[in-house]
N, C-alpha and C. Protein backbone atom coordinates (compact mmCIF):
# COMPACT_ATOMS: atom_id res chain seq x y z
N MET A 1 -20.67 -88.94 -37.98
CA MET A 1 -21.00 -87.46 -37.88
C MET A 1 -21.23 -86.64 -36.74
N LYS A 2 -21.19 -87.41 -35.57
CA LYS A 2 -20.88 -86.94 -34.11
C LYS A 2 -19.79 -85.82 -33.97
N ILE A 3 -18.81 -86.41 -34.60
CA ILE A 3 -17.28 -85.49 -34.67
C ILE A 3 -17.49 -84.45 -35.90
N ARG A 4 -18.25 -84.50 -36.94
CA ARG A 4 -18.06 -83.46 -37.48
C ARG A 4 -18.93 -82.40 -36.97
N LYS A 5 -20.33 -82.60 -36.77
CA LYS A 5 -21.18 -81.51 -35.87
C LYS A 5 -20.42 -81.07 -34.49
N PHE A 6 -19.38 -81.91 -33.82
CA PHE A 6 -18.93 -81.13 -32.70
C PHE A 6 -17.74 -80.00 -33.32
N MET A 7 -16.94 -80.87 -34.52
CA MET A 7 -16.05 -79.99 -34.74
C MET A 7 -16.82 -78.22 -34.99
N THR A 8 -17.48 -78.22 -35.68
CA THR A 8 -18.45 -77.32 -35.63
C THR A 8 -18.46 -76.63 -34.47
N GLY A 9 -18.95 -77.40 -33.76
CA GLY A 9 -19.49 -76.65 -32.42
C GLY A 9 -18.15 -76.17 -31.52
N ALA A 10 -17.23 -76.97 -31.63
CA ALA A 10 -15.80 -76.51 -31.05
C ALA A 10 -15.24 -75.29 -31.53
N VAL A 11 -15.00 -75.39 -32.91
CA VAL A 11 -14.90 -74.06 -33.66
C VAL A 11 -15.56 -72.96 -33.28
N VAL A 12 -17.15 -73.05 -33.04
CA VAL A 12 -17.94 -72.01 -32.99
C VAL A 12 -17.56 -71.39 -31.55
N ALA A 13 -17.42 -72.58 -30.53
CA ALA A 13 -17.08 -72.18 -29.24
C ALA A 13 -15.74 -71.44 -29.41
N ALA A 14 -14.82 -72.09 -29.91
CA ALA A 14 -13.46 -71.13 -29.97
C ALA A 14 -13.85 -69.52 -30.28
N ALA A 15 -14.74 -69.51 -31.37
CA ALA A 15 -14.89 -68.16 -32.03
C ALA A 15 -15.89 -67.52 -30.86
N VAL A 16 -16.72 -68.21 -30.25
CA VAL A 16 -17.31 -67.44 -28.96
C VAL A 16 -16.19 -66.74 -28.28
N ALA A 17 -15.72 -67.78 -27.93
CA ALA A 17 -14.18 -67.21 -26.55
C ALA A 17 -13.41 -66.39 -27.51
N ALA A 18 -13.29 -66.32 -28.64
CA ALA A 18 -12.18 -65.35 -29.18
C ALA A 18 -12.72 -64.32 -29.52
N THR A 19 -14.10 -64.08 -30.09
CA THR A 19 -14.74 -62.70 -31.03
C THR A 19 -13.84 -62.08 -31.64
N ALA A 20 -14.21 -62.04 -32.78
CA ALA A 20 -13.29 -61.48 -34.02
C ALA A 20 -13.87 -60.07 -34.81
N ALA A 21 -13.41 -60.19 -36.05
CA ALA A 21 -13.56 -58.94 -37.09
C ALA A 21 -14.55 -58.30 -37.28
N CYS A 22 -14.49 -57.67 -38.40
CA CYS A 22 -15.99 -56.85 -38.87
C CYS A 22 -16.71 -55.66 -37.89
N GLY A 23 -15.61 -55.12 -36.87
CA GLY A 23 -16.14 -54.34 -35.91
C GLY A 23 -16.40 -52.96 -36.39
N SER A 24 -16.82 -52.05 -36.13
CA SER A 24 -16.92 -50.85 -36.49
C SER A 24 -15.52 -49.99 -36.77
N ASP A 25 -15.04 -49.59 -37.77
CA ASP A 25 -13.97 -48.67 -37.63
C ASP A 25 -14.15 -47.16 -37.75
N ASP A 26 -14.98 -47.04 -37.03
CA ASP A 26 -14.92 -45.26 -36.90
C ASP A 26 -14.30 -44.88 -35.99
N SER A 27 -13.30 -44.02 -37.01
CA SER A 27 -11.68 -43.67 -36.50
C SER A 27 -11.70 -42.80 -34.91
N ALA A 28 -12.96 -41.98 -34.78
CA ALA A 28 -13.30 -41.36 -33.65
C ALA A 28 -13.45 -41.88 -32.28
N ASP A 29 -13.89 -43.53 -32.47
CA ASP A 29 -14.25 -44.25 -31.02
C ASP A 29 -12.99 -45.64 -31.24
N LEU A 30 -11.80 -45.29 -31.93
CA LEU A 30 -10.65 -46.18 -32.01
C LEU A 30 -9.89 -46.10 -30.64
N PRO A 31 -10.13 -47.30 -29.75
CA PRO A 31 -8.98 -47.62 -28.51
C PRO A 31 -7.73 -47.58 -29.20
N PRO A 32 -6.78 -47.44 -28.36
CA PRO A 32 -5.41 -47.94 -28.68
C PRO A 32 -5.22 -49.45 -28.99
N VAL A 33 -4.14 -49.53 -29.84
CA VAL A 33 -3.96 -51.08 -30.60
C VAL A 33 -3.73 -51.73 -29.24
N PRO A 34 -4.08 -52.90 -28.97
CA PRO A 34 -4.16 -53.86 -27.79
C PRO A 34 -3.08 -54.69 -28.18
N THR A 35 -2.19 -55.08 -27.15
CA THR A 35 -0.83 -56.03 -27.56
C THR A 35 -1.03 -57.25 -26.51
N ALA A 36 -0.13 -58.19 -26.97
CA ALA A 36 -0.10 -59.51 -26.40
C ALA A 36 0.44 -59.48 -25.09
N ALA A 37 1.53 -58.40 -25.09
CA ALA A 37 2.08 -58.04 -23.84
C ALA A 37 1.21 -57.53 -22.85
N SER A 38 0.53 -56.38 -23.18
CA SER A 38 -0.55 -56.08 -21.98
C SER A 38 -1.18 -57.15 -21.56
N SER A 39 -1.74 -57.72 -22.58
CA SER A 39 -3.10 -58.84 -22.19
C SER A 39 -2.44 -60.22 -21.29
N GLU A 40 -1.22 -60.40 -21.24
CA GLU A 40 -0.36 -61.35 -20.52
C GLU A 40 -0.35 -60.95 -19.40
N ALA A 41 0.12 -59.63 -19.07
CA ALA A 41 0.20 -58.67 -17.76
C ALA A 41 -0.81 -58.80 -17.33
N ALA A 42 -2.10 -58.53 -17.83
CA ALA A 42 -3.36 -58.06 -16.89
C ALA A 42 -3.71 -59.65 -16.54
N SER A 43 -3.30 -60.72 -16.97
CA SER A 43 -3.98 -62.02 -16.65
C SER A 43 -2.82 -62.76 -15.62
N SER A 44 -1.59 -62.45 -15.70
CA SER A 44 -1.04 -62.81 -14.30
C SER A 44 -0.77 -61.95 -13.56
N ASN A 45 -1.42 -60.69 -13.23
CA ASN A 45 -1.33 -59.83 -12.15
C ASN A 45 -2.74 -59.84 -11.10
N GLY A 46 -3.56 -60.74 -12.11
CA GLY A 46 -4.90 -61.13 -11.53
C GLY A 46 -5.76 -59.54 -11.69
N SER A 47 -5.41 -58.48 -12.18
CA SER A 47 -6.44 -57.49 -12.19
C SER A 47 -7.75 -57.44 -12.73
N GLY A 48 -8.64 -57.20 -12.40
CA GLY A 48 -9.90 -57.08 -12.78
C GLY A 48 -10.27 -58.42 -13.41
N SER A 49 -11.88 -58.48 -13.12
CA SER A 49 -12.08 -59.91 -13.38
C SER A 49 -12.38 -60.12 -14.95
N PRO A 50 -12.76 -61.48 -15.19
CA PRO A 50 -12.64 -61.73 -16.56
C PRO A 50 -13.77 -61.04 -17.52
N GLU A 51 -15.02 -60.42 -16.66
CA GLU A 51 -15.84 -59.81 -17.71
C GLU A 51 -15.08 -58.34 -17.65
N ASP A 52 -14.39 -57.87 -16.69
CA ASP A 52 -14.05 -56.53 -17.03
C ASP A 52 -12.79 -56.74 -18.14
N GLU A 53 -12.30 -57.66 -17.86
CA GLU A 53 -11.48 -57.80 -19.34
C GLU A 53 -12.03 -57.59 -20.78
N LEU A 54 -13.15 -58.32 -20.87
CA LEU A 54 -14.07 -58.64 -22.31
C LEU A 54 -14.61 -57.39 -22.29
N THR A 55 -14.55 -56.27 -21.69
CA THR A 55 -15.10 -55.10 -21.75
C THR A 55 -14.13 -53.95 -21.89
N ASN A 56 -13.02 -54.29 -21.81
CA ASN A 56 -11.94 -53.53 -21.73
C ASN A 56 -11.30 -53.40 -23.38
N ALA A 57 -11.67 -52.15 -23.83
CA ALA A 57 -11.10 -51.63 -25.27
C ALA A 57 -9.81 -51.45 -25.41
N LYS A 58 -8.99 -51.24 -24.52
CA LYS A 58 -7.46 -51.06 -24.31
C LYS A 58 -6.49 -52.08 -24.38
N ASP A 59 -7.52 -53.39 -23.97
CA ASP A 59 -5.96 -54.45 -24.14
C ASP A 59 -7.07 -55.44 -24.52
N VAL A 60 -6.18 -56.56 -25.16
CA VAL A 60 -6.78 -57.80 -25.60
C VAL A 60 -7.11 -58.82 -24.05
N PRO A 61 -8.19 -59.20 -24.55
CA PRO A 61 -8.54 -60.22 -23.30
C PRO A 61 -7.45 -61.17 -22.91
N SER A 62 -7.59 -61.87 -21.75
CA SER A 62 -6.43 -62.73 -21.28
C SER A 62 -7.09 -64.02 -21.99
N VAL A 63 -6.26 -65.18 -22.14
CA VAL A 63 -7.14 -66.40 -22.24
C VAL A 63 -7.82 -67.15 -21.10
N ASP A 64 -7.72 -66.97 -19.81
CA ASP A 64 -8.51 -67.09 -18.51
C ASP A 64 -9.83 -66.32 -19.06
N ALA A 65 -9.95 -65.00 -19.40
CA ALA A 65 -11.09 -64.60 -19.43
C ALA A 65 -11.83 -65.07 -20.64
N LEU A 66 -10.88 -65.38 -21.89
CA LEU A 66 -11.66 -66.16 -23.16
C LEU A 66 -12.18 -67.56 -22.78
N ASN A 67 -11.38 -68.51 -22.05
CA ASN A 67 -11.93 -69.51 -21.76
C ASN A 67 -12.87 -69.64 -21.00
N ASN A 68 -13.11 -68.50 -19.97
CA ASN A 68 -14.31 -68.28 -19.46
C ASN A 68 -15.58 -67.98 -20.06
N MET A 69 -15.38 -67.53 -21.05
CA MET A 69 -16.22 -66.82 -22.39
C MET A 69 -16.94 -68.19 -23.05
N LEU A 70 -15.51 -69.01 -23.20
CA LEU A 70 -16.31 -70.36 -23.74
C LEU A 70 -17.21 -71.12 -23.12
N GLU A 71 -16.75 -71.25 -21.50
CA GLU A 71 -17.57 -71.80 -20.82
C GLU A 71 -18.85 -71.53 -20.59
N THR A 72 -19.29 -70.23 -20.64
CA THR A 72 -20.47 -69.41 -20.63
C THR A 72 -21.18 -69.88 -21.90
N ALA A 73 -20.82 -69.88 -23.26
CA ALA A 73 -21.14 -70.02 -24.37
C ALA A 73 -21.89 -71.64 -24.34
N LEU A 74 -20.99 -72.62 -23.53
CA LEU A 74 -21.32 -73.95 -23.98
C LEU A 74 -22.27 -74.31 -22.63
N ASP A 75 -22.81 -73.55 -21.67
CA ASP A 75 -23.32 -73.73 -20.16
C ASP A 75 -24.76 -74.06 -20.57
N PRO A 76 -25.24 -75.14 -20.42
CA PRO A 76 -26.83 -75.48 -20.67
C PRO A 76 -27.78 -74.79 -20.11
N LYS A 77 -27.29 -74.08 -18.63
CA LYS A 77 -28.27 -73.44 -17.82
C LYS A 77 -28.30 -72.06 -18.49
N VAL A 78 -27.26 -71.60 -19.15
CA VAL A 78 -27.46 -70.05 -19.52
C VAL A 78 -28.46 -69.93 -21.01
N LYS A 79 -29.23 -69.22 -20.80
CA LYS A 79 -30.18 -69.12 -22.24
C LYS A 79 -29.23 -68.82 -22.90
N ALA A 80 -30.00 -69.25 -24.41
CA ALA A 80 -29.18 -68.88 -25.66
C ALA A 80 -29.41 -67.24 -26.05
N SER A 81 -30.30 -66.85 -25.38
CA SER A 81 -30.56 -64.98 -25.65
C SER A 81 -29.50 -64.45 -24.81
N GLU A 82 -28.82 -65.06 -23.99
CA GLU A 82 -27.92 -64.46 -23.07
C GLU A 82 -26.39 -64.46 -23.49
N LYS A 83 -26.24 -65.20 -24.42
CA LYS A 83 -25.29 -65.80 -25.13
C LYS A 83 -24.85 -64.70 -26.38
N THR A 84 -25.83 -63.93 -26.97
CA THR A 84 -25.46 -63.11 -27.90
C THR A 84 -24.52 -62.36 -27.96
N GLU A 85 -24.00 -61.86 -26.99
CA GLU A 85 -22.98 -61.17 -26.60
C GLU A 85 -21.53 -61.53 -26.85
N LEU A 86 -21.61 -62.97 -26.95
CA LEU A 86 -20.50 -63.74 -27.15
C LEU A 86 -19.79 -63.81 -28.56
N VAL A 87 -20.69 -63.73 -29.65
CA VAL A 87 -20.59 -63.85 -31.13
C VAL A 87 -21.27 -62.66 -31.63
N GLU A 88 -20.30 -61.74 -32.59
CA GLU A 88 -20.62 -60.66 -33.43
C GLU A 88 -21.93 -61.13 -34.14
N ASP A 89 -22.67 -60.22 -33.94
CA ASP A 89 -24.18 -60.15 -34.69
C ASP A 89 -25.10 -61.39 -34.59
N SER A 90 -24.79 -62.26 -33.51
CA SER A 90 -25.43 -63.38 -33.01
C SER A 90 -26.71 -63.32 -32.85
N SER A 91 -27.15 -62.21 -32.43
CA SER A 91 -28.68 -61.60 -31.82
C SER A 91 -29.76 -62.08 -32.97
N VAL A 92 -29.08 -62.18 -34.45
CA VAL A 92 -30.10 -62.45 -35.27
C VAL A 92 -30.28 -63.60 -35.44
N ASP A 93 -29.73 -64.92 -34.76
CA ASP A 93 -29.86 -66.16 -34.28
C ASP A 93 -29.73 -66.72 -33.17
N PRO A 94 -30.12 -66.44 -31.94
CA PRO A 94 -29.67 -66.86 -30.69
C PRO A 94 -29.89 -68.53 -30.63
N LYS A 95 -30.68 -69.03 -31.47
CA LYS A 95 -30.80 -70.48 -31.37
C LYS A 95 -29.64 -71.23 -31.64
N LEU A 96 -28.65 -70.52 -32.45
CA LEU A 96 -27.27 -70.87 -32.68
C LEU A 96 -26.56 -71.54 -31.52
N PHE A 97 -26.82 -71.13 -30.32
CA PHE A 97 -26.02 -71.54 -29.30
C PHE A 97 -26.77 -72.88 -28.78
N ASP A 98 -27.99 -73.08 -28.72
CA ASP A 98 -28.45 -74.13 -28.42
C ASP A 98 -27.72 -75.38 -29.13
N LYS A 99 -27.82 -75.25 -30.84
CA LYS A 99 -27.23 -76.01 -31.22
C LYS A 99 -25.56 -76.27 -30.88
N LEU A 100 -25.15 -75.11 -30.39
CA LEU A 100 -23.74 -75.79 -30.22
C LEU A 100 -23.66 -76.50 -28.53
N VAL A 101 -24.66 -76.01 -27.61
CA VAL A 101 -24.36 -76.77 -26.63
C VAL A 101 -25.04 -78.22 -26.63
N LYS A 102 -25.97 -78.56 -27.57
CA LYS A 102 -26.08 -80.12 -27.88
C LYS A 102 -25.03 -80.81 -28.99
N ALA A 103 -24.22 -80.02 -29.57
CA ALA A 103 -23.40 -80.69 -30.26
C ALA A 103 -22.20 -80.99 -28.92
N VAL A 104 -21.97 -80.22 -27.78
CA VAL A 104 -21.08 -80.64 -26.63
C VAL A 104 -21.44 -81.74 -26.08
N GLU A 105 -22.95 -81.87 -25.96
CA GLU A 105 -23.51 -82.65 -24.89
C GLU A 105 -23.25 -83.94 -26.01
N ASP A 106 -23.44 -84.11 -27.44
CA ASP A 106 -23.41 -85.37 -28.13
C ASP A 106 -21.97 -86.03 -28.20
N ASN A 107 -20.95 -85.09 -27.95
CA ASN A 107 -19.60 -85.58 -28.30
C ASN A 107 -18.93 -84.98 -26.82
N PRO A 108 -19.12 -85.65 -25.78
CA PRO A 108 -18.32 -85.35 -24.57
C PRO A 108 -17.04 -85.46 -24.40
N GLU A 109 -16.56 -86.42 -25.45
CA GLU A 109 -15.21 -86.84 -25.34
C GLU A 109 -14.21 -85.92 -26.16
N VAL A 110 -14.68 -84.96 -26.52
CA VAL A 110 -14.12 -83.97 -27.26
C VAL A 110 -13.58 -83.02 -26.56
N THR A 111 -12.37 -82.13 -26.71
CA THR A 111 -11.99 -81.20 -25.53
C THR A 111 -11.61 -80.03 -26.58
N TYR A 112 -11.37 -79.00 -26.22
CA TYR A 112 -11.16 -77.70 -26.75
C TYR A 112 -10.69 -76.82 -25.42
N LYS A 113 -9.87 -76.08 -26.01
CA LYS A 113 -9.29 -74.95 -25.03
C LYS A 113 -8.63 -73.74 -25.75
N ILE A 114 -8.63 -72.43 -25.22
CA ILE A 114 -7.90 -71.33 -26.04
C ILE A 114 -6.70 -71.30 -25.38
N LYS A 115 -5.58 -71.45 -26.17
CA LYS A 115 -4.47 -71.27 -26.01
C LYS A 115 -3.53 -70.04 -26.14
N ARG A 116 -2.71 -69.47 -25.38
CA ARG A 116 -1.72 -68.40 -25.52
C ARG A 116 -0.95 -68.50 -26.92
N PRO A 117 -0.75 -67.24 -27.35
CA PRO A 117 -0.81 -66.22 -26.80
C PRO A 117 -2.16 -65.37 -27.49
N VAL A 118 -2.91 -64.27 -27.11
CA VAL A 118 -3.60 -63.41 -27.64
C VAL A 118 -3.19 -62.50 -28.51
N THR A 119 -3.00 -62.51 -29.36
CA THR A 119 -2.13 -61.36 -30.33
C THR A 119 -3.13 -60.26 -30.95
N SER A 120 -2.66 -58.95 -30.85
CA SER A 120 -3.53 -57.95 -31.45
C SER A 120 -3.10 -57.92 -32.96
N ASN A 121 -4.27 -57.66 -33.82
CA ASN A 121 -4.45 -57.60 -35.29
C ASN A 121 -5.06 -56.49 -35.90
N GLY A 122 -4.55 -55.43 -35.19
CA GLY A 122 -5.21 -53.94 -35.68
C GLY A 122 -6.15 -53.43 -34.50
N PRO A 123 -6.74 -52.16 -34.72
CA PRO A 123 -7.65 -51.70 -33.57
C PRO A 123 -8.87 -52.52 -33.63
N LYS A 124 -9.10 -53.07 -32.47
CA LYS A 124 -10.40 -53.63 -32.05
C LYS A 124 -10.44 -55.29 -32.63
N LYS A 125 -9.51 -55.63 -33.26
CA LYS A 125 -9.32 -57.03 -33.52
C LYS A 125 -8.33 -57.67 -32.73
N ALA A 126 -8.23 -59.14 -32.48
CA ALA A 126 -7.27 -59.96 -32.10
C ALA A 126 -7.37 -61.31 -32.54
N ASN A 127 -6.24 -61.96 -32.66
CA ASN A 127 -6.40 -63.26 -33.26
C ASN A 127 -6.00 -64.39 -31.79
N VAL A 128 -6.21 -65.56 -32.14
CA VAL A 128 -5.99 -66.42 -30.70
C VAL A 128 -6.10 -67.96 -31.61
N LYS A 129 -5.64 -69.01 -30.90
CA LYS A 129 -5.61 -70.47 -31.19
C LYS A 129 -6.46 -71.12 -30.11
N VAL A 130 -7.21 -72.01 -30.95
CA VAL A 130 -7.81 -72.83 -30.16
C VAL A 130 -7.32 -74.46 -30.38
N GLU A 131 -7.27 -75.02 -29.21
CA GLU A 131 -6.68 -76.32 -29.30
C GLU A 131 -8.20 -77.40 -29.21
N VAL A 132 -8.02 -78.24 -30.45
CA VAL A 132 -9.59 -79.13 -30.34
C VAL A 132 -8.94 -80.54 -30.28
N LYS A 133 -9.25 -81.10 -29.24
CA LYS A 133 -8.71 -82.59 -29.12
C LYS A 133 -9.95 -83.56 -29.27
N LEU A 134 -9.70 -84.54 -30.72
CA LEU A 134 -10.90 -85.46 -30.98
C LEU A 134 -10.13 -86.74 -30.64
N PRO A 135 -10.83 -87.53 -30.28
CA PRO A 135 -10.96 -89.01 -29.81
C PRO A 135 -9.52 -89.81 -30.61
N ASP A 136 -8.82 -90.40 -29.80
CA ASP A 136 -7.75 -91.06 -30.82
C ASP A 136 -6.90 -90.09 -32.19
N ASN A 137 -6.83 -88.88 -31.66
CA ASN A 137 -6.36 -88.10 -32.61
C ASN A 137 -4.98 -86.71 -31.72
N PRO A 138 -4.21 -86.40 -32.53
CA PRO A 138 -3.49 -85.37 -31.81
C PRO A 138 -4.25 -84.35 -31.64
N ALA A 139 -4.13 -83.45 -30.51
CA ALA A 139 -4.52 -82.14 -30.43
C ALA A 139 -4.16 -81.35 -31.62
N THR A 140 -5.38 -80.49 -32.42
CA THR A 140 -5.03 -79.50 -33.62
C THR A 140 -5.62 -78.11 -33.08
N LYS A 141 -4.39 -76.99 -33.25
CA LYS A 141 -4.67 -75.80 -33.11
C LYS A 141 -5.50 -75.27 -34.39
N ILE A 142 -6.68 -74.52 -34.07
CA ILE A 142 -7.44 -73.71 -35.25
C ILE A 142 -7.21 -72.38 -34.59
N ASP A 143 -7.06 -71.83 -35.82
CA ASP A 143 -7.13 -70.31 -35.91
C ASP A 143 -8.36 -69.56 -35.39
N ALA A 144 -8.76 -68.52 -34.56
CA ALA A 144 -9.76 -67.71 -34.68
C ALA A 144 -9.39 -66.41 -34.35
N SER A 145 -10.50 -65.67 -34.83
CA SER A 145 -10.34 -63.92 -34.51
C SER A 145 -11.43 -63.58 -33.25
N ILE A 146 -10.92 -62.35 -32.78
CA ILE A 146 -11.90 -61.82 -32.01
C ILE A 146 -11.91 -60.41 -32.29
N VAL A 147 -12.98 -59.59 -32.09
CA VAL A 147 -13.34 -58.27 -32.07
C VAL A 147 -13.94 -57.40 -30.99
N TYR A 148 -13.55 -56.47 -30.74
CA TYR A 148 -14.39 -55.59 -29.92
C TYR A 148 -15.52 -54.96 -30.85
N ASP A 149 -16.40 -55.08 -30.52
CA ASP A 149 -17.73 -54.70 -30.71
C ASP A 149 -19.00 -54.49 -29.97
N ASN A 150 -19.59 -53.37 -29.94
CA ASN A 150 -20.59 -52.85 -28.97
C ASN A 150 -20.22 -52.99 -27.46
N GLY A 151 -18.84 -52.57 -27.31
CA GLY A 151 -18.89 -52.59 -25.87
C GLY A 151 -18.18 -53.66 -25.20
N ARG A 152 -17.64 -54.68 -25.94
CA ARG A 152 -17.09 -55.89 -25.41
C ARG A 152 -16.24 -56.87 -26.52
N TRP A 153 -15.52 -57.47 -26.26
CA TRP A 153 -14.76 -58.57 -27.01
C TRP A 153 -15.82 -59.48 -27.62
N LYS A 154 -15.92 -60.11 -28.58
CA LYS A 154 -16.75 -60.99 -29.04
C LYS A 154 -15.80 -62.19 -30.21
N LEU A 155 -16.35 -63.01 -30.43
CA LEU A 155 -16.08 -63.75 -31.45
C LEU A 155 -16.38 -63.20 -32.85
N SER A 156 -15.68 -63.48 -33.78
CA SER A 156 -15.84 -62.87 -34.96
C SER A 156 -16.69 -63.91 -35.67
N LYS A 157 -17.81 -63.16 -36.51
CA LYS A 157 -18.67 -64.02 -37.45
C LYS A 157 -17.84 -64.25 -38.54
N ASN A 158 -16.84 -63.85 -38.75
CA ASN A 158 -15.78 -63.96 -39.81
C ASN A 158 -14.95 -65.40 -39.58
N THR A 159 -14.80 -65.68 -38.30
CA THR A 159 -14.40 -66.95 -38.16
C THR A 159 -15.53 -68.03 -37.91
N VAL A 160 -16.61 -67.75 -37.24
CA VAL A 160 -17.68 -68.68 -37.09
C VAL A 160 -18.47 -69.25 -38.68
N CYS A 161 -18.85 -68.02 -39.13
CA CYS A 161 -19.60 -68.18 -40.45
C CYS A 161 -18.78 -69.42 -41.40
N PRO A 162 -17.70 -69.51 -41.76
CA PRO A 162 -17.26 -70.06 -43.10
C PRO A 162 -17.06 -71.61 -41.90
N LEU A 163 -17.26 -71.98 -40.63
CA LEU A 163 -17.07 -73.24 -40.09
C LEU A 163 -18.40 -73.60 -40.36
N LEU A 164 -19.77 -72.84 -39.76
CA LEU A 164 -20.96 -73.25 -40.15
C LEU A 164 -21.19 -73.80 -41.39
N THR A 165 -20.84 -73.16 -42.16
CA THR A 165 -21.33 -73.62 -43.73
C THR A 165 -20.88 -74.55 -44.19
N SER A 166 -19.27 -74.49 -43.73
CA SER A 166 -18.75 -76.01 -44.40
C SER A 166 -19.16 -77.23 -43.62
N ASN A 167 -20.15 -76.91 -42.75
CA ASN A 167 -20.97 -77.93 -42.13
C ASN A 167 -22.03 -77.95 -42.32
N ASP A 168 -22.52 -77.21 -43.21
CA ASP A 168 -23.78 -77.05 -43.62
C ASP A 168 -25.09 -77.00 -42.44
N VAL A 169 -24.25 -76.11 -41.52
CA VAL A 169 -25.21 -75.13 -40.77
C VAL A 169 -25.79 -73.99 -41.52
N LYS A 170 -27.00 -74.18 -41.30
CA LYS A 170 -27.90 -72.65 -41.93
C LYS A 170 -28.27 -71.75 -40.88
N THR A 171 -27.91 -70.52 -41.16
CA THR A 171 -28.09 -69.55 -39.91
C THR A 171 -28.26 -68.10 -40.46
N PRO A 172 -29.23 -67.33 -40.11
CA PRO A 172 -29.30 -65.90 -40.69
C PRO A 172 -28.05 -65.14 -40.35
N LEU A 173 -26.97 -65.48 -39.42
CA LEU A 173 -25.61 -64.74 -39.01
C LEU A 173 -24.98 -64.95 -40.34
N CYS A 174 -25.00 -66.11 -40.91
CA CYS A 174 -24.03 -66.11 -42.41
C CYS A 174 -24.99 -66.48 -43.43
N PRO A 175 -25.50 -65.46 -44.16
CA PRO A 175 -26.04 -65.76 -45.39
C PRO A 175 -25.22 -66.81 -46.20
N SER A 176 -25.88 -67.35 -47.19
CA SER A 176 -25.43 -68.45 -48.38
C SER A 176 -25.11 -67.41 -49.37
N ASP A 177 -24.08 -68.13 -49.99
CA ASP A 177 -23.39 -67.40 -51.24
C ASP A 177 -24.80 -67.23 -52.31
N SER A 178 -25.92 -68.28 -52.59
CA SER A 178 -27.13 -67.99 -53.08
C SER A 178 -27.59 -66.63 -52.33
N ASP A 179 -28.10 -66.53 -51.22
CA ASP A 179 -28.54 -65.45 -50.58
C ASP A 179 -28.04 -64.09 -51.37
N SER A 180 -26.84 -64.39 -50.87
CA SER A 180 -26.16 -62.90 -51.35
C SER A 180 -26.10 -62.70 -53.04
N SER A 181 -26.12 -63.52 -53.76
CA SER A 181 -26.15 -63.41 -54.88
C SER A 181 -27.65 -62.93 -55.39
N LYS A 182 -28.71 -63.50 -55.06
CA LYS A 182 -29.81 -62.99 -55.02
C LYS A 182 -30.55 -61.56 -54.81
N SER A 183 -29.85 -61.13 -53.50
CA SER A 183 -29.85 -59.82 -52.90
C SER A 183 -29.10 -58.74 -53.96
N SER A 184 -28.09 -59.25 -54.36
CA SER A 184 -27.61 -58.22 -55.64
C SER A 184 -28.42 -58.39 -56.79
N LYS A 185 -28.79 -59.09 -57.15
CA LYS A 185 -29.51 -59.14 -58.46
C LYS A 185 -30.84 -58.39 -58.23
N LYS A 186 -31.48 -58.35 -57.02
CA LYS A 186 -32.76 -57.71 -56.27
C LYS A 186 -32.21 -56.20 -56.70
N LYS A 187 -30.95 -55.81 -56.28
CA LYS A 187 -30.49 -54.60 -56.32
C LYS A 187 -30.22 -54.06 -57.43
N SER A 188 -29.62 -54.84 -58.42
CA SER A 188 -29.40 -54.50 -59.94
C SER A 188 -30.63 -54.28 -60.91
N SER A 189 -31.65 -54.89 -60.21
CA SER A 189 -32.94 -54.89 -61.23
C SER A 189 -33.68 -53.54 -61.03
């Protein structure tokens, strides 16, 4: 079961690195639509730090900046409460990052890396591939999405939640279907 736990962690990490959907759609503050070409140019010319790229609403971040974000999410020396800026709405459950770090520690033979390209998917949204390598298996690329939310690029909870719930990880970040149905029944009463 270590591998199953790690797959959740790896995908969450990818999601952390990629940050995704569900951003505000207020048209007044929409940045220009980012492009993969502008992201590649930024990463190749060395302009700006990874943090600058993650807070730039005009361009999607480079793969290097996203991999740096992934390393931060998995760093046991960084407090979980400081990692909530990496995943959309994760401030509701900062302990989620402790689970992620534990999964990495339990499965050191599993590797993952964000791969090119980072592609725009509309205003404040982009897609990325995360390569996950399990022992004795070929590398697999997993789709992830990122979103520009509250002043920075983050992993989308739309990417993270299905992965967590499919591995029976319960978190307030991702209400279960039964929680949603209970909530809608209360509203209709």
